[in-house]
Amino acid sequence: MEPAEWRKKAGLTLKQAAQRLDCSSASCVFRYERGEREAPNSVVLAYGRESDGEVTGEDLNRVPKRFLRSEGKGRAAA
C-alpha cells in the first residue's frame, strides 16, 4: 500500500505520522511518501509496525515514475 494512502486511511496528519514513525519532521514523512527520500531501516520497520504490515519497505523505497527524467538530467530518488 502507498504510504500516503495508509496515512490518510488511518486519519493521520503528516505531523502525527512523523511522531508515530519516530521521524524528525512532517516534511520528512512527506518526502518518504513522494519517494524523494529513501527510508532508513528504522522507518521501514516503524511503517510496518504502525500499519500492521500494510506498508512495506518495497512500498516506501520504489522510485515513482514522476521523479524519473527522460533526459537523464538530475538525480532520481534512490
PDB file of N, CA and C in Angstrom:
ATOM      1  N   MET A   1       0.847  -1.173   0.000  1.00  0.00           N
ATOM      2  CA  MET A   1       0.000   0.000   0.000  1.00  0.00           C
ATOM      3  C   MET A   1       0.897   1.243   0.000  1.00  0.00           C
ATOM      4  N   GLU A   2       0.455   2.240  -0.709  1.00  0.00           N
ATOM      5  CA  GLU A   2       1.200   3.503  -0.737  1.00  0.00           C
ATOM      6  C   GLU A   2       1.213   4.107   0.671  1.00  0.00           C
ATOM      7  N   PRO A   3       2.363   4.630   1.103  1.00  0.00           N
ATOM      8  CA  PRO A   3       2.436   5.219   2.446  1.00  0.00           C
ATOM      9  C   PRO A   3       1.428   6.343   2.685  1.00  0.00           C
ATOM     10  N   ALA A   4       1.236   7.218   1.720  1.00  0.00           N
ATOM     11  CA  ALA A   4       0.277   8.316   1.884  1.00  0.00           C
ATOM     12  C   ALA A   4      -1.148   7.784   1.983  1.00  0.00           C
ATOM     13  N   GLU A   5      -1.443   6.749   1.225  1.00  0.00           N
ATOM     14  CA  GLU A   5      -2.775   6.135   1.270  1.00  0.00           C
ATOM     15  C   GLU A   5      -3.046   5.567   2.666  1.00  0.00           C
ATOM     16  N   TRP A   6      -2.058   4.873   3.226  1.00  0.00           N
ATOM     17  CA  TRP A   6      -2.208   4.326   4.576  1.00  0.00           C
ATOM     18  C   TRP A   6      -2.420   5.450   5.596  1.00  0.00           C
ATOM     19  N   ARG A   7      -1.589   6.503   5.505  1.00  0.00           N
ATOM     20  CA  ARG A   7      -1.679   7.603   6.466  1.00  0.00           C
ATOM     21  C   ARG A   7      -3.066   8.241   6.436  1.00  0.00           C
ATOM     22  N   LYS A   8      -3.567   8.481   5.239  1.00  0.00           N
ATOM     23  CA  LYS A   8      -4.887   9.103   5.105  1.00  0.00           C
ATOM     24  C   LYS A   8      -5.983   8.166   5.604  1.00  0.00           C
ATOM     25  N   LYS A   9      -5.849   6.889   5.292  1.00  0.00           N
ATOM     26  CA  LYS A   9      -6.814   5.888   5.753  1.00  0.00           C
ATOM     27  C   LYS A   9      -6.837   5.823   7.281  1.00  0.00           C
ATOM     28  N   ALA A  10      -5.656   6.004   7.894  1.00  0.00           N
ATOM     29  CA  ALA A  10      -5.549   5.982   9.356  1.00  0.00           C
ATOM     30  C   ALA A  10      -5.988   7.303   9.982  1.00  0.00           C
ATOM     31  N   GLY A  11      -6.253   8.309   9.152  1.00  0.00           N
ATOM     32  CA  GLY A  11      -6.706   9.602   9.648  1.00  0.00           C
ATOM     33  C   GLY A  11      -5.611  10.413  10.319  1.00  0.00           C
ATOM     34  N   LEU A  12      -4.369  10.217   9.858  1.00  0.00           N
ATOM     35  CA  LEU A  12      -3.230  10.911  10.455  1.00  0.00           C
ATOM     36  C   LEU A  12      -2.769  12.088   9.607  1.00  0.00           C
ATOM     37  N   THR A  13      -2.396  13.158  10.272  1.00  0.00           N
ATOM     38  CA  THR A  13      -1.739  14.261   9.577  1.00  0.00           C
ATOM     39  C   THR A  13      -0.275  13.866   9.377  1.00  0.00           C
ATOM     40  N   LEU A  14       0.433  14.639   8.577  1.00  0.00           N
ATOM     41  CA  LEU A  14       1.864  14.378   8.397  1.00  0.00           C
ATOM     42  C   LEU A  14       2.595  14.484   9.740  1.00  0.00           C
ATOM     43  N   LYS A  15       2.227  15.460  10.545  1.00  0.00           N
ATOM     44  CA  LYS A  15       2.869  15.649  11.848  1.00  0.00           C
ATOM     45  C   LYS A  15       2.595  14.458  12.768  1.00  0.00           C
ATOM     46  N   GLN A  16       1.365  13.988  12.806  1.00  0.00           N
ATOM     47  CA  GLN A  16       1.024  12.835  13.635  1.00  0.00           C
ATOM     48  C   GLN A  16       1.764  11.587  13.171  1.00  0.00           C
ATOM     49  N   ALA A  17       1.851  11.403  11.849  1.00  0.00           N
ATOM     50  CA  ALA A  17       2.577  10.253  11.309  1.00  0.00           C
ATOM     51  C   ALA A  17       4.048  10.335  11.676  1.00  0.00           C
ATOM     52  N   ALA A  18       4.618  11.529  11.611  1.00  0.00           N
ATOM     53  CA  ALA A  18       6.031  11.709  11.969  1.00  0.00           C
ATOM     54  C   ALA A  18       6.274  11.287  13.416  1.00  0.00           C
ATOM     55  N   GLN A  19       5.375  11.655  14.307  1.00  0.00           N
ATOM     56  CA  GLN A  19       5.514  11.281  15.712  1.00  0.00           C
ATOM     57  C   GLN A  19       5.421   9.769  15.884  1.00  0.00           C
ATOM     58  N   ARG A  20       4.476   9.140  15.220  1.00  0.00           N
ATOM     59  CA  ARG A  20       4.307   7.687  15.324  1.00  0.00           C
ATOM     60  C   ARG A  20       5.468   6.912  14.717  1.00  0.00           C
ATOM     61  N   LEU A  21       6.041   7.476  13.654  1.00  0.00           N
ATOM     62  CA  LEU A  21       7.102   6.781  12.924  1.00  0.00           C
ATOM     63  C   LEU A  21       8.496   7.165  13.425  1.00  0.00           C
ATOM     64  N   ASP A  22       8.541   8.015  14.443  1.00  0.00           N
ATOM     65  CA  ASP A  22       9.814   8.466  15.010  1.00  0.00           C
ATOM     66  C   ASP A  22      10.667   9.203  13.984  1.00  0.00           C
ATOM     67  N   CYS A  23       9.998  10.002  13.154  1.00  0.00           N
ATOM     68  CA  CYS A  23      10.685  10.821  12.153  1.00  0.00           C
ATOM     69  C   CYS A  23      10.904  12.216  12.729  1.00  0.00           C
ATOM     70  N   SER A  24      11.878  12.897  12.182  1.00  0.00           N
ATOM     71  CA  SER A  24      12.238  14.203  12.717  1.00  0.00           C
ATOM     72  C   SER A  24      11.205  15.292  12.419  1.00  0.00           C
ATOM     73  N   SER A  25      10.457  15.143  11.318  1.00  0.00           N
ATOM     74  CA  SER A  25       9.508  16.194  10.953  1.00  0.00           C
ATOM     75  C   SER A  25       8.447  15.672   9.992  1.00  0.00           C
ATOM     76  N   ALA A  26       7.399  16.472   9.832  1.00  0.00           N
ATOM     77  CA  ALA A  26       6.340  16.150   8.883  1.00  0.00           C
ATOM     78  C   ALA A  26       6.877  16.165   7.453  1.00  0.00           C
ATOM     79  N   SER A  27       7.799  17.080   7.172  1.00  0.00           N
ATOM     80  CA  SER A  27       8.342  17.156   5.810  1.00  0.00           C
ATOM     81  C   SER A  27       9.145  15.904   5.467  1.00  0.00           C
ATOM     82  N   CYS A  28       9.747  15.298   6.462  1.00  0.00           N
ATOM     83  CA  CYS A  28      10.482  14.049   6.245  1.00  0.00           C
ATOM     84  C   CYS A  28       9.507  12.946   5.787  1.00  0.00           C
ATOM     85  N   VAL A  29       8.371  12.835   6.470  1.00  0.00           N
ATOM     86  CA  VAL A  29       7.356  11.849   6.094  1.00  0.00           C
ATOM     87  C   VAL A  29       6.849  12.145   4.684  1.00  0.00           C
ATOM     88  N   PHE A  30       6.619  13.421   4.393  1.00  0.00           N
ATOM     89  CA  PHE A  30       6.158  13.823   3.068  1.00  0.00           C
ATOM     90  C   PHE A  30       7.138  13.361   1.990  1.00  0.00           C
ATOM     91  N   ARG A  31       8.426  13.504   2.235  1.00  0.00           N
ATOM     92  CA  ARG A  31       9.442  13.087   1.260  1.00  0.00           C
ATOM     93  C   ARG A  31       9.465  11.570   1.092  1.00  0.00           C
ATOM     94  N   TYR A  32       9.262  10.830   2.175  1.00  0.00           N
ATOM     95  CA  TYR A  32       9.171   9.367   2.056  1.00  0.00           C
ATOM     96  C   TYR A  32       7.954   8.995   1.201  1.00  0.00           C
ATOM     97  N   GLU A  33       6.837   9.651   1.463  1.00  0.00           N
ATOM     98  CA  GLU A  33       5.607   9.350   0.727  1.00  0.00           C
ATOM     99  C   GLU A  33       5.755   9.619  -0.765  1.00  0.00           C
ATOM    100  N   ARG A  34       6.455  10.664  -1.116  1.00  0.00           N
ATOM    101  CA  ARG A  34       6.624  11.020  -2.527  1.00  0.00           C
ATOM    102  C   ARG A  34       7.787  10.294  -3.191  1.00  0.00           C
ATOM    103  N   GLY A  35       8.564   9.573  -2.423  1.00  0.00           N
ATOM    104  CA  GLY A  35       9.702   8.869  -2.999  1.00  0.00           C
ATOM    105  C   GLY A  35      10.902   9.767  -3.231  1.00  0.00           C
ATOM    106  N   GLU A  36      10.924  10.923  -2.600  1.00  0.00           N
ATOM    107  CA  GLU A  36      12.028  11.858  -2.771  1.00  0.00           C
ATOM    108  C   GLU A  36      13.203  11.522  -1.858  1.00  0.00           C
ATOM    109  N   ARG A  37      12.951  10.692  -0.869  1.00  0.00           N
ATOM    110  CA  ARG A  37      13.978  10.306   0.088  1.00  0.00           C
ATOM    111  C   ARG A  37      13.813   8.819   0.389  1.00  0.00           C
ATOM    112  N   GLU A  38      14.926   8.113   0.459  1.00  0.00           N
ATOM    113  CA  GLU A  38      14.891   6.688   0.791  1.00  0.00           C
ATOM    114  C   GLU A  38      14.735   6.533   2.296  1.00  0.00           C
ATOM    115  N   ALA A  39      13.797   5.704   2.692  1.00  0.00           N
ATOM    116  CA  ALA A  39      13.541   5.496   4.115  1.00  0.00           C
ATOM    117  C   ALA A  39      14.583   4.552   4.710  1.00  0.00           C
ATOM    118  N   PRO A  40      15.182   4.934   5.844  1.00  0.00           N
ATOM    119  CA  PRO A  40      16.123   4.035   6.510  1.00  0.00           C
ATOM    120  C   PRO A  40      15.384   2.843   7.129  1.00  0.00           C
ATOM    121  N   ASN A  41      16.123   1.827   7.503  1.00  0.00           N
ATOM    122  CA  ASN A  41      15.512   0.616   8.059  1.00  0.00           C
ATOM    123  C   ASN A  41      14.612   0.906   9.253  1.00  0.00           C
ATOM    124  N   SER A  42      15.022   1.824  10.123  1.00  0.00           N
ATOM    125  CA  SER A  42      14.209   2.121  11.306  1.00  0.00           C
ATOM    126  C   SER A  42      12.827   2.654  10.911  1.00  0.00           C
ATOM    127  N   VAL A  43      12.775   3.451   9.866  1.00  0.00           N
ATOM    128  CA  VAL A  43      11.492   3.998   9.404  1.00  0.00           C
ATOM    129  C   VAL A  43      10.672   2.926   8.685  1.00  0.00           C
ATOM    130  N   VAL A  44      11.336   2.090   7.895  1.00  0.00           N
ATOM    131  CA  VAL A  44      10.641   0.980   7.225  1.00  0.00           C
ATOM    132  C   VAL A  44       9.978   0.085   8.272  1.00  0.00           C
ATOM    133  N   LEU A  45      10.713  -0.246   9.321  1.00  0.00           N
ATOM    134  CA  LEU A  45      10.163  -1.088  10.389  1.00  0.00           C
ATOM    135  C   LEU A  45       9.014  -0.392  11.115  1.00  0.00           C
ATOM    136  N   ALA A  46       9.145   0.907  11.339  1.00  0.00           N
ATOM    137  CA  ALA A  46       8.077   1.662  12.006  1.00  0.00           C
ATOM    138  C   ALA A  46       6.811   1.693  11.156  1.00  0.00           C
ATOM    139  N   TYR A  47       6.961   1.904   9.844  1.00  0.00           N
ATOM    140  CA  TYR A  47       5.787   1.870   8.956  1.00  0.00           C
ATOM    141  C   TYR A  47       5.128   0.499   9.020  1.00  0.00           C
ATOM    142  N   GLY A  48       5.914  -0.552   8.967  1.00  0.00           N
ATOM    143  CA  GLY A  48       5.362  -1.902   9.040  1.00  0.00           C
ATOM    144  C   GLY A  48       4.612  -2.135  10.341  1.00  0.00           C
ATOM    145  N   ARG A  49       5.200  -1.694  11.442  1.00  0.00           N
ATOM    146  CA  ARG A  49       4.586  -1.856  12.766  1.00  0.00           C
ATOM    147  C   ARG A  49       3.296  -1.051  12.872  1.00  0.00           C
ATOM    148  N   GLU A  50       3.349   0.221  12.501  1.00  0.00           N
ATOM    149  CA  GLU A  50       2.187   1.102  12.642  1.00  0.00           C
ATOM    150  C   GLU A  50       1.053   0.750  11.679  1.00  0.00           C
ATOM    151  N   SER A  51       1.406   0.212  10.516  1.00  0.00           N
ATOM    152  CA  SER A  51       0.377  -0.102   9.512  1.00  0.00           C
ATOM    153  C   SER A  51      -0.049  -1.568   9.551  1.00  0.00           C
ATOM    154  N   ASP A  52       0.417  -2.303  10.550  1.00  0.00           N
ATOM    155  CA  ASP A  52       0.138  -3.740  10.642  1.00  0.00           C
ATOM    156  C   ASP A  52       0.547  -4.465   9.365  1.00  0.00           C
ATOM    157  N   GLY A  53       1.675  -4.055   8.813  1.00  0.00           N
ATOM    158  CA  GLY A  53       2.229  -4.718   7.637  1.00  0.00           C
ATOM    159  C   GLY A  53       1.677  -4.262   6.305  1.00  0.00           C
ATOM    160  N   GLU A  54       0.774  -3.286   6.317  1.00  0.00           N
ATOM    161  CA  GLU A  54       0.190  -2.818   5.055  1.00  0.00           C
ATOM    162  C   GLU A  54       1.190  -2.034   4.213  1.00  0.00           C
ATOM    163  N   VAL A  55       2.123  -1.313   4.851  1.00  0.00           N
ATOM    164  CA  VAL A  55       3.152  -0.565   4.137  1.00  0.00           C
ATOM    165  C   VAL A  55       4.467  -1.322   4.317  1.00  0.00           C
ATOM    166  N   THR A  56       5.072  -1.714   3.202  1.00  0.00           N
ATOM    167  CA  THR A  56       6.309  -2.490   3.233  1.00  0.00           C
ATOM    168  C   THR A  56       7.493  -1.619   2.801  1.00  0.00           C
ATOM    169  N   GLY A  57       8.675  -2.159   2.980  1.00  0.00           N
ATOM    170  CA  GLY A  57       9.872  -1.464   2.515  1.00  0.00           C
ATOM    171  C   GLY A  57       9.839  -1.248   1.017  1.00  0.00           C
ATOM    172  N   GLU A  58       9.295  -2.195   0.303  1.00  0.00           N
ATOM    173  CA  GLU A  58       9.160  -2.060  -1.152  1.00  0.00           C
ATOM    174  C   GLU A  58       8.238  -0.891  -1.497  1.00  0.00           C
ATOM    175  N   ASP A  59       7.153  -0.753  -0.748  1.00  0.00           N
ATOM    176  CA  ASP A  59       6.234   0.375  -0.969  1.00  0.00           C
ATOM    177  C   ASP A  59       6.941   1.704  -0.742  1.00  0.00           C
ATOM    178  N   LEU A  60       7.782   1.755   0.285  1.00  0.00           N
ATOM    179  CA  LEU A  60       8.451   3.003   0.651  1.00  0.00           C
ATOM    180  C   LEU A  60       9.584   3.375  -0.288  1.00  0.00           C
ATOM    181  N   ASN A  61      10.326   2.403  -0.751  1.00  0.00           N
ATOM    182  CA  ASN A  61      11.575   2.713  -1.442  1.00  0.00           C
ATOM    183  C   ASN A  61      11.582   2.450  -2.942  1.00  0.00           C
ATOM    184  N   ARG A  62      10.413   2.391  -3.541  1.00  0.00           N
ATOM    185  CA  ARG A  62      10.408   2.309  -5.002  1.00  0.00           C
ATOM    186  C   ARG A  62      10.456   3.718  -5.573  1.00  0.00           C
ATOM    187  N   VAL A  63      10.979   3.842  -6.764  1.00  0.00           N
ATOM    188  CA  VAL A  63      11.120   5.151  -7.390  1.00  0.00           C
ATOM    189  C   VAL A  63       9.866   5.447  -8.208  1.00  0.00           C
ATOM    190  N   PRO A  64       9.089   6.458  -7.805  1.00  0.00           N
ATOM    191  CA  PRO A  64       7.896   6.797  -8.585  1.00  0.00           C
ATOM    192  C   PRO A  64       8.281   7.322  -9.967  1.00  0.00           C
ATOM    193  N   LYS A  65       7.508   6.961 -10.950  1.00  0.00           N
ATOM    194  CA  LYS A  65       7.796   7.381 -12.323  1.00  0.00           C
ATOM    195  C   LYS A  65       7.836   8.895 -12.459  1.00  0.00           C
ATOM    196  N   ARG A  66       7.063   9.598 -11.648  1.00  0.00           N
ATOM    197  CA  ARG A  66       7.021  11.056 -11.796  1.00  0.00           C
ATOM    198  C   ARG A  66       8.357  11.717 -11.472  1.00  0.00           C
ATOM    199  N   PHE A  67       9.286  10.989 -10.811  1.00  0.00           N
ATOM    200  CA  PHE A  67      10.583  11.563 -10.488  1.00  0.00           C
ATOM    201  C   PHE A  67      11.680  11.134 -11.445  1.00  0.00           C
ATOM    202  N   LEU A  68      11.362  10.267 -12.384  1.00  0.00           N
ATOM    203  CA  LEU A  68      12.347   9.860 -13.369  1.00  0.00           C
ATOM    204  C   LEU A  68      12.336  10.866 -14.508  1.00  0.00           C
ATOM    205  N   ARG A  69      13.496  11.262 -14.936  1.00  0.00           N
ATOM    206  CA  ARG A  69      13.582  12.243 -16.026  1.00  0.00           C
ATOM    207  C   ARG A  69      14.045  11.535 -17.284  1.00  0.00           C
ATOM    208  N   SER A  70      13.325  11.749 -18.355  1.00  0.00           N
ATOM    209  CA  SER A  70      13.628  11.055 -19.604  1.00  0.00           C
ATOM    210  C   SER A  70      14.963  11.474 -20.178  1.00  0.00           C
ATOM    211  N   GLU A  71      15.408  12.680 -19.886  1.00  0.00           N
ATOM    212  CA  GLU A  71      16.664  13.180 -20.445  1.00  0.00           C
ATOM    213  C   GLU A  71      17.876  12.756 -19.632  1.00  0.00           C
ATOM    214  N   GLY A  72      17.638  12.140 -18.468  1.00  0.00           N
ATOM    215  CA  GLY A  72      18.744  11.697 -17.631  1.00  0.00           C
ATOM    216  C   GLY A  72      19.405  12.801 -16.842  1.00  0.00           C
ATOM    217  N   LYS A  73      18.802  13.989 -16.822  1.00  0.00           N
ATOM    218  CA  LYS A  73      19.356  15.097 -16.042  1.00  0.00           C
ATOM    219  C   LYS A  73      18.950  14.943 -14.574  1.00  0.00           C
ATOM    220  N   GLY A  74      19.773  15.409 -13.703  1.00  0.00           N
ATOM    221  CA  GLY A  74      19.456  15.357 -12.281  1.00  0.00           C
ATOM    222  C   GLY A  74      19.516  13.953 -11.747  1.00  0.00           C
ATOM    223  N   ARG A  75      19.133  13.811 -10.488  1.00  0.00           N
ATOM    224  CA  ARG A  75      19.163  12.510  -9.847  1.00  0.00           C
ATOM    225  C   ARG A  75      17.761  12.046  -9.570  1.00  0.00           C
ATOM    226  N   ALA A  76      17.518  10.785  -9.805  1.00  0.00           N
ATOM    227  CA  ALA A  76      16.242  10.195  -9.418  1.00  0.00           C
ATOM    228  C   ALA A  76      16.372   9.772  -7.966  1.00  0.00           C
ATOM    229  N   ALA A  77      15.243   9.665  -7.288  1.00  0.00           N
ATOM    230  CA  ALA A  77      15.267   9.210  -5.890  1.00  0.00           C
ATOM    231  C   ALA A  77      15.866   7.822  -5.815  1.00  0.00           C
ATOM    232  N   ALA A  78      16.660   7.585  -4.804  1.00  0.00           N
ATOM    233  CA  ALA A  78      17.322   6.284  -4.638  1.00  0.00           C
ATOM    234  C   ALA A  78      16.387   5.253  -4.084  1.00  0.00           C
TER     235      ALA A  78
END
